[in-house]
Amino acid sequence: MSETAVTSNNSRTVHSPLRICPLGAHVDHQGGIVTGMALDSAVSLSYRPGDDGYIQIQSMDFPDEEYFHVDNVPEKLPGFWGNYIRGAVLSLKRNFVVKRGITGEISGKLPIGGLSSSAAVSTAYLMALCDVNDIKLSGPELVQYSHWIETAFIGLKNGILDQAANILSKDNHLLSVDCLTGDHQLHPRNPQMPEFEVAVVYSGVSKALIGTDYNNRVDECKVGGWILQELAGRAGTGLSDVILRDIPTSDFETYGEQVPGRFNRRLKHYYSEQQRVADGIDAWDRGDLVEFGRLMTASGESSVSQYECGCPELTTIFNLLKKCEGVYGARFSGAGYRGCCIALIDPAFKDKIKEVIDREYPVKHPEYRDVYRVNFCKTSDGAKIL
């Protein structure tokens, strides 16, 4: 955060990066341990303070303008991009006096479905509002205020992975986050590790997570955990309070096969993913990018077979990336219902990887021939005011 609030004559910019989660897929909402990295592609918010208390935001990527007063925040509108600035004002007003508004323009640089643009946008608004209102928040505090926007205001049952990776990341480090306690660690890149970049392959499929099975999967994890507790003879917990992090791995190993159907599969994904996270952090610390990538691909396979997310377009890209020379590991990005697949790659093979995607993806999904994209990114620091 900045040392002092901006003056009325200043225009400033928040650089709020997109993020990937190499390992730790679909476990943050269960209090699991996850990993993340910020990318060098970001949401950019240029803003100026307004003494009159009005919010005036123009999106460079969506039509219309958002305009309201901080003392009269409109209700959420389904699917509207302006919900995030509304939520940002309300999130801060829970604990702070917000008197000054902002006038600004916001834009992104990539097709960003699956890279958590919503967290990047939320953080950008929060940082700008804190700046002009002289509100001081630490990084972990900012994570919680940003998380409130998506859960309490937007209505998504997600954990803190997206916000933590967006805010707490550091270039050339792997971020690990305990989503139950909020504790985090930054693991520096081992000098023995080979160079890598991140391939981001946008499928062309875009829709809001609130319209997918995302929340259903969260509920299924809770039901699976509730059944597991009953089988283990543990004190009953109300369904809404169940999180898998509270249930020992030994209970799953003993009773997991008695949990029926899809609930069993959700448990298998959670507990195996937590082991992959632990093994992956160890591989990263050793500089073993081959093993780290293998675990990342195994995470992607479990997302398909056990967590059962995805769509035909993302599955096609995932399968193509797996067979490309120079790919260390690949998986869906984000919730895996639309947006992007990601891969850690050897930069020497960028052209060959793009050639494979360009040759095969449009043939299998011709309706997205003109909108899919292959991009390559590097890691970056977390959100900051430039």
Protein backbone atom coordinates (compact mmCIF):
# COMPACT_ATOMS: atom_id res chain seq x y z
CA MET A 1 0.00 0.00 0.00
CA SER A 2 1.09 3.58 -0.50
CA GLU A 3 2.52 5.71 2.31
CA THR A 4 0.09 8.56 1.76
CA ALA A 5 -3.16 9.08 -0.07
CA VAL A 6 -3.01 10.64 -3.50
CA THR A 7 -3.84 14.27 -3.97
CA SER A 8 -6.71 15.40 -6.18
CA ASN A 9 -4.35 16.28 -9.03
CA ASN A 10 -2.70 12.86 -9.22
CA SER A 11 -3.57 9.93 -11.43
CA ARG A 12 -2.21 6.56 -10.35
CA THR A 13 -2.35 2.95 -11.53
CA VAL A 14 -2.89 -0.33 -9.72
CA HIS A 15 -1.13 -3.29 -11.36
CA SER A 16 -3.11 -6.34 -10.18
CA PRO A 17 -1.76 -9.58 -11.67
CA LEU A 18 -3.58 -12.61 -12.95
CA ARG A 19 -2.61 -15.84 -11.24
CA ILE A 20 -2.15 -19.57 -11.69
CA CYS A 21 -2.41 -22.42 -9.20
CA PRO A 22 0.07 -25.14 -10.21
CA LEU A 23 -1.00 -27.46 -7.37
CA GLY A 24 -3.87 -27.32 -4.91
CA ALA A 25 -6.82 -27.47 -7.29
CA HIS A 26 -10.31 -27.23 -5.78
CA VAL A 27 -9.19 -27.53 -2.15
CA ASP A 28 -9.11 -23.92 -0.97
CA HIS A 29 -12.82 -23.90 -0.12
CA GLN A 30 -12.12 -26.93 2.12
CA GLY A 31 -9.38 -25.18 4.08
CA GLY A 32 -6.64 -27.01 2.18
CA ILE A 33 -3.07 -26.01 1.39
CA VAL A 34 -2.58 -24.55 -2.08
CA THR A 35 0.15 -23.08 -4.25
CA GLY A 36 0.09 -20.05 -6.50
CA MET A 37 2.09 -17.74 -8.73
CA ALA A 38 1.26 -14.29 -10.07
CA LEU A 39 1.76 -13.70 -13.80
CA ASP A 40 3.28 -10.75 -15.62
CA SER A 41 -0.09 -10.11 -17.25
CA ALA A 42 -2.42 -8.03 -15.13
CA VAL A 43 -5.59 -6.08 -14.68
CA SER A 44 -4.75 -2.37 -14.76
CA LEU A 45 -6.79 0.29 -12.95
CA SER A 46 -5.90 3.93 -13.63
CA TYR A 47 -7.67 6.15 -11.13
CA ARG A 48 -8.01 9.62 -9.67
CA PRO A 49 -9.57 10.52 -6.30
CA GLY A 50 -12.92 12.25 -6.09
CA ASP A 51 -13.73 14.48 -3.12
CA ASP A 52 -17.45 14.36 -3.90
CA GLY A 53 -17.72 10.66 -2.96
CA TYR A 54 -18.77 9.42 -6.37
CA ILE A 55 -17.51 6.24 -8.01
CA GLN A 56 -17.14 6.52 -11.79
CA ILE A 57 -15.53 3.55 -13.55
CA GLN A 58 -15.21 2.87 -17.27
CA SER A 59 -14.27 -0.64 -18.39
CA MET A 60 -12.12 -0.97 -21.49
CA ASP A 61 -13.38 -4.54 -21.96
CA PHE A 62 -17.12 -4.27 -21.28
CA PRO A 63 -19.81 -1.75 -22.28
CA ASP A 64 -21.47 0.78 -20.00
CA GLU A 65 -20.11 2.88 -17.16
CA GLU A 66 -20.46 2.29 -13.43
CA TYR A 67 -21.52 5.38 -11.48
CA PHE A 68 -22.79 5.71 -7.90
CA HIS A 69 -22.11 7.45 -4.58
CA VAL A 70 -20.23 5.65 -1.78
CA ASP A 71 -23.16 6.39 0.57
CA ASN A 72 -25.67 4.78 -1.79
CA VAL A 73 -24.14 1.58 -3.18
CA PRO A 74 -26.50 -0.17 -5.63
CA GLU A 75 -27.49 -3.80 -5.15
CA LYS A 76 -25.74 -6.57 -7.05
CA LEU A 77 -26.87 -7.12 -10.63
CA PRO A 78 -26.51 -10.70 -11.99
CA GLY A 79 -23.50 -10.96 -14.27
CA PHE A 80 -22.63 -7.24 -14.20
CA TRP A 81 -18.94 -6.28 -14.23
CA GLY A 82 -19.66 -3.33 -11.93
CA ASN A 83 -20.55 -5.63 -9.04
CA TYR A 84 -16.89 -5.77 -7.98
CA ILE A 85 -16.49 -2.05 -7.33
CA ARG A 86 -19.81 -2.08 -5.48
CA GLY A 87 -18.57 -4.98 -3.37
CA ALA A 88 -15.23 -3.27 -2.74
CA VAL A 89 -16.90 -0.18 -1.27
CA LEU A 90 -19.16 -2.31 0.93
CA SER A 91 -16.29 -4.54 2.05
CA LEU A 92 -14.29 -1.58 3.34
CA LYS A 93 -17.31 0.17 4.85
CA ARG A 94 -17.75 -2.73 7.25
CA ASN A 95 -14.79 -1.40 9.26
CA PHE A 96 -13.73 1.96 7.82
CA VAL A 97 -15.15 5.33 6.89
CA VAL A 98 -15.14 5.65 3.10
CA LYS A 99 -15.70 9.25 2.05
CA ARG A 100 -13.74 9.67 -1.16
CA GLY A 101 -14.63 7.98 -4.40
CA ILE A 102 -12.54 7.30 -7.51
CA THR A 103 -12.81 8.03 -11.19
CA GLY A 104 -11.00 5.41 -13.22
CA GLU A 105 -10.56 3.12 -16.19
CA ILE A 106 -9.97 -0.62 -15.85
CA SER A 107 -8.69 -3.11 -18.41
CA GLY A 108 -7.03 -6.52 -18.77
CA LYS A 109 -4.38 -7.75 -21.22
CA LEU A 110 -5.33 -11.42 -21.80
CA PRO A 111 -8.46 -13.45 -22.38
CA ILE A 112 -8.59 -14.07 -18.67
CA GLY A 113 -11.27 -16.65 -17.84
CA GLY A 114 -9.71 -19.10 -15.38
CA LEU A 115 -6.85 -16.83 -14.29
CA SER A 116 -8.93 -15.20 -11.56
CA SER A 117 -9.56 -11.84 -13.13
CA SER A 118 -12.34 -11.32 -10.57
CA ALA A 119 -9.85 -11.40 -7.67
CA ALA A 120 -7.47 -9.14 -9.60
CA VAL A 121 -10.27 -6.65 -10.25
CA SER A 122 -11.48 -6.74 -6.65
CA THR A 123 -7.97 -6.15 -5.32
CA ALA A 124 -7.40 -3.27 -7.73
CA TYR A 125 -10.56 -1.50 -6.57
CA LEU A 126 -9.75 -2.09 -2.90
CA MET A 127 -6.20 -0.75 -3.22
CA ALA A 128 -7.39 2.37 -5.03
CA LEU A 129 -10.12 3.04 -2.49
CA CYS A 130 -7.71 2.48 0.41
CA ASP A 131 -5.22 4.83 -1.22
CA VAL A 132 -7.59 7.76 -1.64
CA ASN A 133 -9.19 7.24 1.79
CA ASP A 134 -5.85 6.78 3.61
CA ILE A 135 -6.79 3.27 4.80
CA LYS A 136 -3.84 1.02 5.70
CA LEU A 137 -4.16 -2.73 5.18
CA SER A 138 -1.51 -5.43 5.33
CA GLY A 139 -1.29 -7.99 2.55
CA PRO A 140 -3.13 -10.72 4.52
CA GLU A 141 -5.80 -8.20 5.57
CA LEU A 142 -6.28 -7.17 1.93
CA VAL A 143 -6.75 -10.85 1.04
CA GLN A 144 -9.66 -11.09 3.47
CA TYR A 145 -11.35 -7.89 2.28
CA SER A 146 -11.04 -9.05 -1.33
CA HIS A 147 -12.34 -12.52 -0.45
CA TRP A 148 -15.43 -10.99 1.19
CA ILE A 149 -16.41 -9.41 -2.13
CA GLU A 150 -16.64 -12.74 -3.93
CA THR A 151 -18.22 -14.74 -1.12
CA ALA A 152 -20.51 -12.39 0.79
CA PHE A 153 -21.42 -10.03 -2.07
CA ILE A 154 -21.08 -12.03 -5.32
CA GLY A 155 -22.14 -15.34 -3.76
CA LEU A 156 -19.31 -17.66 -4.82
CA LYS A 157 -18.31 -20.34 -2.30
CA ASN A 158 -14.58 -20.12 -2.96
CA GLY A 159 -11.55 -20.04 -0.67
CA ILE A 160 -8.71 -17.52 -0.47
CA LEU A 161 -6.42 -19.00 -3.14
CA ASP A 162 -7.16 -16.43 -5.83
CA GLN A 163 -6.80 -13.39 -3.60
CA ALA A 164 -3.69 -14.71 -1.85
CA ALA A 165 -1.87 -15.47 -5.11
CA ASN A 166 -2.87 -12.10 -6.53
CA ILE A 167 -1.67 -10.14 -3.48
CA LEU A 168 1.08 -12.14 -1.74
CA SER A 169 3.06 -13.59 -4.66
CA LYS A 170 6.68 -12.74 -5.37
CA ASP A 171 8.53 -13.13 -8.66
CA ASN A 172 10.64 -16.31 -8.91
CA HIS A 173 8.91 -17.80 -5.87
CA LEU A 174 6.24 -20.42 -5.31
CA LEU A 175 3.58 -19.22 -2.88
CA SER A 176 2.01 -21.78 -0.54
CA VAL A 177 -1.07 -20.81 1.45
CA ASP A 178 -2.83 -22.57 4.29
CA CYS A 179 -6.44 -21.69 3.49
CA LEU A 180 -7.60 -22.66 6.99
CA THR A 181 -5.25 -20.43 8.98
CA GLY A 182 -4.31 -17.87 6.29
CA ASP A 183 -0.60 -18.51 6.89
CA HIS A 184 1.60 -18.35 3.81
CA GLN A 185 5.17 -19.04 2.75
CA LEU A 186 7.24 -17.93 -0.23
CA HIS A 187 9.52 -20.64 -1.59
CA PRO A 188 12.41 -19.19 -3.64
CA ARG A 189 13.25 -20.74 -6.98
CA ASN A 190 16.13 -23.15 -6.58
CA PRO A 191 19.17 -21.96 -8.60
CA GLN A 192 19.40 -25.49 -10.07
CA MET A 193 15.92 -25.22 -11.58
CA PRO A 194 15.82 -24.79 -15.37
CA GLU A 195 14.18 -21.74 -16.91
CA PHE A 196 10.43 -22.00 -17.45
CA GLU A 197 7.49 -19.96 -18.67
CA VAL A 198 3.74 -20.38 -18.33
CA ALA A 199 1.67 -21.27 -21.38
CA VAL A 200 -1.88 -19.94 -21.11
CA VAL A 201 -4.22 -21.43 -23.70
CA TYR A 202 -7.61 -19.71 -23.78
CA SER A 203 -10.38 -22.03 -24.99
CA GLY A 204 -12.76 -19.30 -26.10
CA VAL A 205 -15.36 -20.53 -23.60
CA SER A 206 -16.40 -17.81 -21.17
CA LYS A 207 -19.16 -17.73 -18.60
CA ALA A 208 -19.41 -16.62 -14.99
CA LEU A 209 -18.59 -19.23 -12.34
CA ILE A 210 -21.84 -18.46 -10.54
CA GLY A 211 -23.61 -20.10 -13.52
CA THR A 212 -21.56 -23.32 -13.44
CA ASP A 213 -21.43 -26.33 -11.11
CA TYR A 214 -18.78 -24.60 -8.99
CA ASN A 215 -20.97 -24.13 -5.91
CA ASN A 216 -22.44 -27.63 -6.35
CA ARG A 217 -18.95 -29.14 -6.11
CA VAL A 218 -18.33 -27.25 -2.87
CA ASP A 219 -21.55 -28.67 -1.44
CA GLU A 220 -20.63 -32.18 -2.60
CA CYS A 221 -17.32 -31.93 -0.74
CA LYS A 222 -19.22 -30.98 2.39
CA VAL A 223 -21.66 -33.86 2.02
CA GLY A 224 -18.77 -36.28 1.51
CA GLY A 225 -17.08 -34.95 4.62
CA TRP A 226 -20.28 -35.19 6.65
CA ILE A 227 -20.75 -38.85 5.66
CA LEU A 228 -17.10 -39.56 6.45
CA GLN A 229 -17.50 -38.07 9.92
CA GLU A 230 -20.54 -40.24 10.57
CA LEU A 231 -18.69 -43.38 9.46
CA ALA A 232 -15.74 -42.52 11.70
CA GLY A 233 -18.06 -42.00 14.69
CA ARG A 234 -16.94 -38.44 15.25
CA ALA A 235 -19.13 -35.79 16.86
CA GLY A 236 -21.60 -34.53 14.32
CA THR A 237 -20.99 -31.19 12.62
CA GLY A 238 -23.71 -29.26 10.85
CA LEU A 239 -23.40 -29.70 7.10
CA SER A 240 -22.68 -26.03 6.48
CA ASP A 241 -19.76 -26.18 8.93
CA VAL A 242 -18.05 -29.24 7.45
CA ILE A 243 -14.64 -28.68 5.86
CA LEU A 244 -12.43 -31.56 4.81
CA ARG A 245 -9.30 -30.04 6.38
CA ASP A 246 -10.81 -30.86 9.80
CA ILE A 247 -11.16 -34.56 8.94
CA PRO A 248 -7.93 -36.59 9.30
CA THR A 249 -6.50 -38.39 6.28
CA SER A 250 -6.59 -41.58 8.38
CA ASP A 251 -10.40 -41.39 8.50
CA PHE A 252 -10.52 -41.21 4.72
CA GLU A 253 -8.09 -44.12 4.38
CA THR A 254 -10.21 -46.22 6.75
CA TYR A 255 -13.74 -45.31 5.72
CA GLY A 256 -13.48 -43.49 2.41
CA GLU A 257 -14.53 -46.43 0.24
CA GLN A 258 -17.82 -46.61 2.15
CA VAL A 259 -18.76 -43.10 1.00
CA PRO A 260 -21.00 -43.50 -2.06
CA GLY A 261 -20.69 -42.30 -5.63
CA ARG A 262 -19.63 -38.78 -6.48
CA PHE A 263 -19.05 -37.90 -2.83
CA ASN A 264 -16.35 -40.57 -2.69
CA ARG A 265 -14.74 -39.09 -5.80
CA ARG A 266 -14.68 -35.59 -4.32
CA LEU A 267 -12.93 -36.95 -1.23
CA LYS A 268 -10.40 -38.85 -3.34
CA HIS A 269 -9.54 -35.66 -5.15
CA TYR A 270 -9.14 -33.60 -1.99
CA TYR A 271 -6.91 -36.02 -0.08
CA SER A 272 -4.77 -36.96 -3.08
CA GLU A 273 -4.38 -33.30 -4.03
CA GLN A 274 -3.14 -32.42 -0.56
CA GLN A 275 -0.44 -35.07 -0.95
CA ARG A 276 0.48 -33.67 -4.37
CA VAL A 277 0.83 -30.20 -2.86
CA ALA A 278 3.22 -31.48 -0.18
CA ASP A 279 5.23 -33.48 -2.71
CA GLY A 280 5.23 -30.57 -5.16
CA ILE A 281 6.58 -28.06 -2.65
CA ASP A 282 9.37 -30.52 -1.87
CA ALA A 283 10.14 -30.93 -5.59
CA TRP A 284 10.17 -27.14 -6.08
CA ASP A 285 12.54 -26.65 -3.16
CA ARG A 286 14.88 -29.23 -4.71
CA GLY A 287 14.66 -27.55 -8.12
CA ASP A 288 13.06 -30.67 -9.67
CA LEU A 289 10.78 -29.09 -12.27
CA VAL A 290 10.20 -32.43 -14.01
CA GLU A 291 8.68 -33.95 -10.87
CA PHE A 292 6.79 -30.75 -10.09
CA GLY A 293 5.31 -30.85 -13.59
CA ARG A 294 4.39 -34.52 -13.30
CA LEU A 295 2.44 -33.75 -10.13
CA MET A 296 0.76 -30.81 -11.84
CA THR A 297 -0.48 -33.05 -14.66
CA ALA A 298 -1.65 -35.64 -12.12
CA SER A 299 -3.63 -32.84 -10.48
CA GLY A 300 -5.22 -32.11 -13.84
CA GLU A 301 -6.12 -35.77 -14.32
CA SER A 302 -7.75 -35.88 -10.88
CA SER A 303 -9.71 -32.72 -11.67
CA VAL A 304 -11.22 -34.57 -14.63
CA SER A 305 -11.78 -38.03 -13.12
CA GLN A 306 -12.42 -37.34 -9.43
CA TYR A 307 -13.56 -33.72 -9.12
CA GLU A 308 -15.36 -33.98 -12.48
CA CYS A 309 -15.00 -30.44 -13.66
CA GLY A 310 -14.11 -29.33 -17.15
CA CYS A 311 -15.72 -28.98 -20.53
CA PRO A 312 -14.88 -30.62 -23.89
CA GLU A 313 -12.85 -27.64 -25.05
CA LEU A 314 -10.63 -27.52 -21.95
CA THR A 315 -10.19 -31.29 -22.01
CA THR A 316 -8.99 -31.07 -25.62
CA ILE A 317 -6.40 -28.44 -24.72
CA PHE A 318 -5.27 -30.39 -21.65
CA ASN A 319 -4.74 -33.53 -23.71
CA LEU A 320 -2.86 -31.61 -26.40
CA LEU A 321 -0.55 -29.96 -23.88
CA LYS A 322 0.22 -33.29 -22.21
CA LYS A 323 1.65 -34.69 -25.45
CA CYS A 324 3.66 -31.58 -26.40
CA GLU A 325 7.43 -31.77 -26.15
CA GLY A 326 8.74 -29.16 -23.74
CA VAL A 327 5.72 -29.24 -21.40
CA TYR A 328 6.66 -30.06 -17.80
CA GLY A 329 3.07 -30.17 -16.55
CA ALA A 330 -0.42 -28.96 -17.39
CA ARG A 331 -3.87 -28.60 -15.86
CA PHE A 332 -7.07 -26.60 -16.11
CA SER A 333 -6.78 -23.12 -14.68
CA GLY A 334 -9.18 -21.86 -12.05
CA ALA A 335 -12.36 -23.83 -11.47
CA GLY A 336 -12.00 -25.61 -14.79
CA TYR A 337 -15.45 -24.96 -16.24
CA ARG A 338 -14.37 -22.41 -18.84
CA GLY A 339 -11.44 -20.21 -19.67
CA CYS A 340 -7.89 -21.50 -19.87
CA CYS A 341 -5.53 -24.42 -19.53
CA ILE A 342 -2.07 -23.66 -18.21
CA ALA A 343 1.27 -25.42 -18.52
CA LEU A 344 4.77 -24.95 -17.20
CA ILE A 345 7.02 -25.16 -20.25
CA ASP A 346 10.59 -25.03 -21.49
CA PRO A 347 10.74 -21.66 -23.33
CA ALA A 348 12.75 -23.25 -26.14
CA PHE A 349 9.59 -25.14 -27.22
CA LYS A 350 7.13 -22.22 -27.32
CA ASP A 351 6.78 -22.21 -31.11
CA LYS A 352 6.27 -25.97 -31.28
CA ILE A 353 3.66 -25.91 -28.53
CA LYS A 354 1.72 -23.12 -30.24
CA GLU A 355 1.97 -24.99 -33.54
CA VAL A 356 0.34 -28.09 -32.03
CA ILE A 357 -2.53 -26.10 -30.52
CA ASP A 358 -3.06 -24.05 -33.68
CA ARG A 359 -3.09 -27.18 -35.83
CA GLU A 360 -5.45 -29.34 -33.79
CA TYR A 361 -7.71 -27.25 -31.54
CA PRO A 362 -9.60 -25.32 -34.29
CA VAL A 363 -10.28 -28.59 -36.12
CA LYS A 364 -11.91 -30.14 -33.06
CA HIS A 365 -13.72 -26.97 -31.97
CA PRO A 366 -14.28 -24.85 -35.08
CA GLU A 367 -16.81 -22.60 -33.32
CA TYR A 368 -13.88 -21.11 -31.34
CA ARG A 369 -11.49 -20.80 -34.28
CA ASP A 370 -11.47 -17.00 -34.15
CA VAL A 371 -11.42 -16.50 -30.37
CA TYR A 372 -9.08 -19.06 -28.81
CA ARG A 373 -5.58 -17.79 -27.99
CA VAL A 374 -2.16 -19.18 -27.06
CA ASN A 375 -0.17 -16.88 -24.76
CA PHE A 376 3.09 -17.20 -22.86
CA CYS A 377 3.76 -15.49 -19.54
CA LYS A 378 6.39 -15.21 -16.84
CA THR A 379 5.94 -14.97 -13.09
CA SER A 380 5.61 -11.63 -11.31
CA ASP A 381 5.15 -9.88 -7.99
CA GLY A 382 1.75 -9.44 -6.39
CA ALA A 383 -0.53 -6.43 -6.75
CA LYS A 384 0.96 -2.99 -6.29
CA ILE A 385 0.35 0.70 -6.93
CA LEU A 386 2.76 1.97 -9.55
